[in-house]
Amino acid sequence: MTNIFFMIPVFLFLVGFWIYVSKRKHLMNMLISLEYIVLSIFLLVVLVSFTLGLETYVSLMFLIASVCEGSLGVGIMVGMVRSHGSDYVSSFSVLKC
């Protein structure tokens, strides 16, 4: 029964990774799928810490780092939309800058 609880976050991670790889047209879709992957990893960390009887401070620090990563991604996206005018990934060329 506990194996199914560990397989659910792995399945969620694989689905999030598949969405990240297949939906590369908009930057917002990529950021949302990255947050989905981070939440699935957070679920796995929480399940492992509860199963092994460890402290849950590691999951709290992981959640803080993921929130910082999400806010940094949104800030970069806002800067790119202001400079390029859209959030299409194909319009972000290094040679244009």
C-alpha atoms as a PDB file:
ATOM      1  CA  MET A   1       0.000   0.000   0.000  1.00  0.00           C
ATOM      2  CA  THR A   2       2.852   2.397   0.708  1.00  0.00           C
ATOM      3  CA  ASN A   3       4.388   1.747  -2.705  1.00  0.00           C
ATOM      4  CA  ILE A   4       1.366   3.315  -4.413  1.00  0.00           C
ATOM      5  CA  PHE A   5       1.838   6.458  -2.317  1.00  0.00           C
ATOM      6  CA  PHE A   6       5.398   6.755  -3.602  1.00  0.00           C
ATOM      7  CA  MET A   7       4.377   6.048  -7.189  1.00  0.00           C
ATOM      8  CA  ILE A   8       1.847   8.903  -7.327  1.00  0.00           C
ATOM      9  CA  PRO A   9       4.455  11.733  -7.017  1.00  0.00           C
ATOM     10  CA  VAL A  10       6.699   9.960  -9.524  1.00  0.00           C
ATOM     11  CA  PHE A  11       3.799   9.751 -11.980  1.00  0.00           C
ATOM     12  CA  LEU A  12       2.975  13.435 -11.377  1.00  0.00           C
ATOM     13  CA  PHE A  13       6.635  14.317 -11.978  1.00  0.00           C
ATOM     14  CA  LEU A  14       6.683  12.402 -15.278  1.00  0.00           C
ATOM     15  CA  VAL A  15       3.455  14.066 -16.428  1.00  0.00           C
ATOM     16  CA  GLY A  16       4.838  17.505 -15.545  1.00  0.00           C
ATOM     17  CA  PHE A  17       8.093  16.770 -17.349  1.00  0.00           C
ATOM     18  CA  TRP A  18       6.199  15.564 -20.416  1.00  0.00           C
ATOM     19  CA  ILE A  19       4.135  18.775 -20.455  1.00  0.00           C
ATOM     20  CA  TYR A  20       7.321  20.830 -20.046  1.00  0.00           C
ATOM     21  CA  VAL A  21       8.962  19.108 -23.006  1.00  0.00           C
ATOM     22  CA  SER A  22       5.913  19.118 -25.285  1.00  0.00           C
ATOM     23  CA  LYS A  23       4.475  22.608 -24.577  1.00  0.00           C
ATOM     24  CA  ARG A  24       7.417  24.855 -25.371  1.00  0.00           C
ATOM     25  CA  LYS A  25       5.559  27.549 -27.286  1.00  0.00           C
ATOM     26  CA  HIS A  26       4.749  29.964 -24.457  1.00  0.00           C
ATOM     27  CA  LEU A  27       7.004  30.831 -21.559  1.00  0.00           C
ATOM     28  CA  MET A  28       4.038  30.895 -19.163  1.00  0.00           C
ATOM     29  CA  ASN A  29       3.175  27.266 -19.975  1.00  0.00           C
ATOM     30  CA  MET A  30       6.759  26.288 -19.258  1.00  0.00           C
ATOM     31  CA  LEU A  31       6.749  28.095 -15.903  1.00  0.00           C
ATOM     32  CA  ILE A  32       3.459  26.487 -14.861  1.00  0.00           C
ATOM     33  CA  SER A  33       4.736  23.024 -15.733  1.00  0.00           C
ATOM     34  CA  LEU A  34       7.943  23.702 -13.772  1.00  0.00           C
ATOM     35  CA  GLU A  35       5.870  24.640 -10.728  1.00  0.00           C
ATOM     36  CA  TYR A  36       3.862  21.434 -11.202  1.00  0.00           C
ATOM     37  CA  ILE A  37       7.105  19.445 -11.188  1.00  0.00           C
ATOM     38  CA  VAL A  38       8.273  21.239  -8.042  1.00  0.00           C
ATOM     39  CA  LEU A  39       4.978  20.480  -6.283  1.00  0.00           C
ATOM     40  CA  SER A  40       5.244  16.807  -7.179  1.00  0.00           C
ATOM     41  CA  ILE A  41       8.785  16.711  -5.774  1.00  0.00           C
ATOM     42  CA  PHE A  42       7.513  18.490  -2.648  1.00  0.00           C
ATOM     43  CA  LEU A  43       4.829  15.833  -2.253  1.00  0.00           C
ATOM     44  CA  LEU A  44       7.471  13.126  -2.533  1.00  0.00           C
ATOM     45  CA  VAL A  45       9.685  14.839   0.074  1.00  0.00           C
ATOM     46  CA  VAL A  46       6.751  15.129   2.484  1.00  0.00           C
ATOM     47  CA  LEU A  47       5.767  11.487   2.007  1.00  0.00           C
ATOM     48  CA  VAL A  48       9.328  10.281   2.553  1.00  0.00           C
ATOM     49  CA  SER A  49       9.801  12.438   5.642  1.00  0.00           C
ATOM     50  CA  PHE A  50       6.530  11.220   7.182  1.00  0.00           C
ATOM     51  CA  THR A  51       7.294   7.590   6.345  1.00  0.00           C
ATOM     52  CA  LEU A  52      10.799   7.653   7.803  1.00  0.00           C
ATOM     53  CA  GLY A  53       9.781   9.791  10.794  1.00  0.00           C
ATOM     54  CA  LEU A  54      12.109  12.648   9.914  1.00  0.00           C
ATOM     55  CA  GLU A  55      11.659  16.316  10.659  1.00  0.00           C
ATOM     56  CA  THR A  56       9.530  18.279   8.209  1.00  0.00           C
ATOM     57  CA  TYR A  57      11.807  21.326   8.196  1.00  0.00           C
ATOM     58  CA  VAL A  58      13.465  20.082   5.024  1.00  0.00           C
ATOM     59  CA  SER A  59      10.141  20.224   3.206  1.00  0.00           C
ATOM     60  CA  LEU A  60       9.563  23.759   4.502  1.00  0.00           C
ATOM     61  CA  MET A  61      12.947  24.906   3.219  1.00  0.00           C
ATOM     62  CA  PHE A  62      12.268  23.191  -0.113  1.00  0.00           C
ATOM     63  CA  LEU A  63       8.930  24.998  -0.358  1.00  0.00           C
ATOM     64  CA  ILE A  64      10.613  28.347   0.387  1.00  0.00           C
ATOM     65  CA  ALA A  65      13.205  27.716  -2.341  1.00  0.00           C
ATOM     66  CA  SER A  66      10.492  26.751  -4.840  1.00  0.00           C
ATOM     67  CA  VAL A  67       8.535  29.940  -4.107  1.00  0.00           C
ATOM     68  CA  CYS A  68      11.697  31.975  -4.714  1.00  0.00           C
ATOM     69  CA  GLU A  69      12.244  30.094  -7.979  1.00  0.00           C
ATOM     70  CA  GLY A  70       8.678  30.782  -9.065  1.00  0.00           C
ATOM     71  CA  SER A  71       8.847  34.489  -8.306  1.00  0.00           C
ATOM     72  CA  LEU A  72      12.183  34.754 -10.115  1.00  0.00           C
ATOM     73  CA  GLY A  73      10.684  33.028 -13.170  1.00  0.00           C
ATOM     74  CA  VAL A  74       7.684  35.357 -13.234  1.00  0.00           C
ATOM     75  CA  GLY A  75       9.976  38.372 -12.875  1.00  0.00           C
ATOM     76  CA  ILE A  76      12.121  37.231 -15.783  1.00  0.00           C
ATOM     77  CA  MET A  77       8.991  36.571 -17.844  1.00  0.00           C
ATOM     78  CA  VAL A  78       7.636  40.069 -17.150  1.00  0.00           C
ATOM     79  CA  GLY A  79      10.972  41.597 -18.165  1.00  0.00           C
ATOM     80  CA  MET A  80      11.052  39.578 -21.396  1.00  0.00           C
ATOM     81  CA  VAL A  81       7.457  40.446 -22.260  1.00  0.00           C
ATOM     82  CA  ARG A  82       8.187  44.126 -21.712  1.00  0.00           C
ATOM     83  CA  SER A  83      11.292  44.028 -23.875  1.00  0.00           C
ATOM     84  CA  HIS A  84      10.089  41.692 -26.662  1.00  0.00           C
ATOM     85  CA  GLY A  85       6.317  42.243 -26.572  1.00  0.00           C
ATOM     86  CA  SER A  86       5.195  38.605 -26.242  1.00  0.00           C
ATOM     87  CA  ASP A  87       5.868  35.436 -24.289  1.00  0.00           C
ATOM     88  CA  TYR A  88       6.548  33.235 -27.299  1.00  0.00           C
ATOM     89  CA  VAL A  89       9.741  31.285 -26.738  1.00  0.00           C
ATOM     90  CA  SER A  90      10.622  31.498 -30.439  1.00  0.00           C
ATOM     91  CA  SER A  91      10.906  35.298 -30.216  1.00  0.00           C
ATOM     92  CA  PHE A  92      13.661  35.088 -27.557  1.00  0.00           C
ATOM     93  CA  SER A  93      16.804  34.838 -29.612  1.00  0.00           C
ATOM     94  CA  VAL A  94      20.214  35.510 -28.141  1.00  0.00           C
ATOM     95  CA  LEU A  95      21.412  36.990 -31.416  1.00  0.00           C
ATOM     96  CA  LYS A  96      18.706  39.696 -31.421  1.00  0.00           C
ATOM     97  CA  CYS A  97      19.900  41.317 -28.185  1.00  0.00           C
END
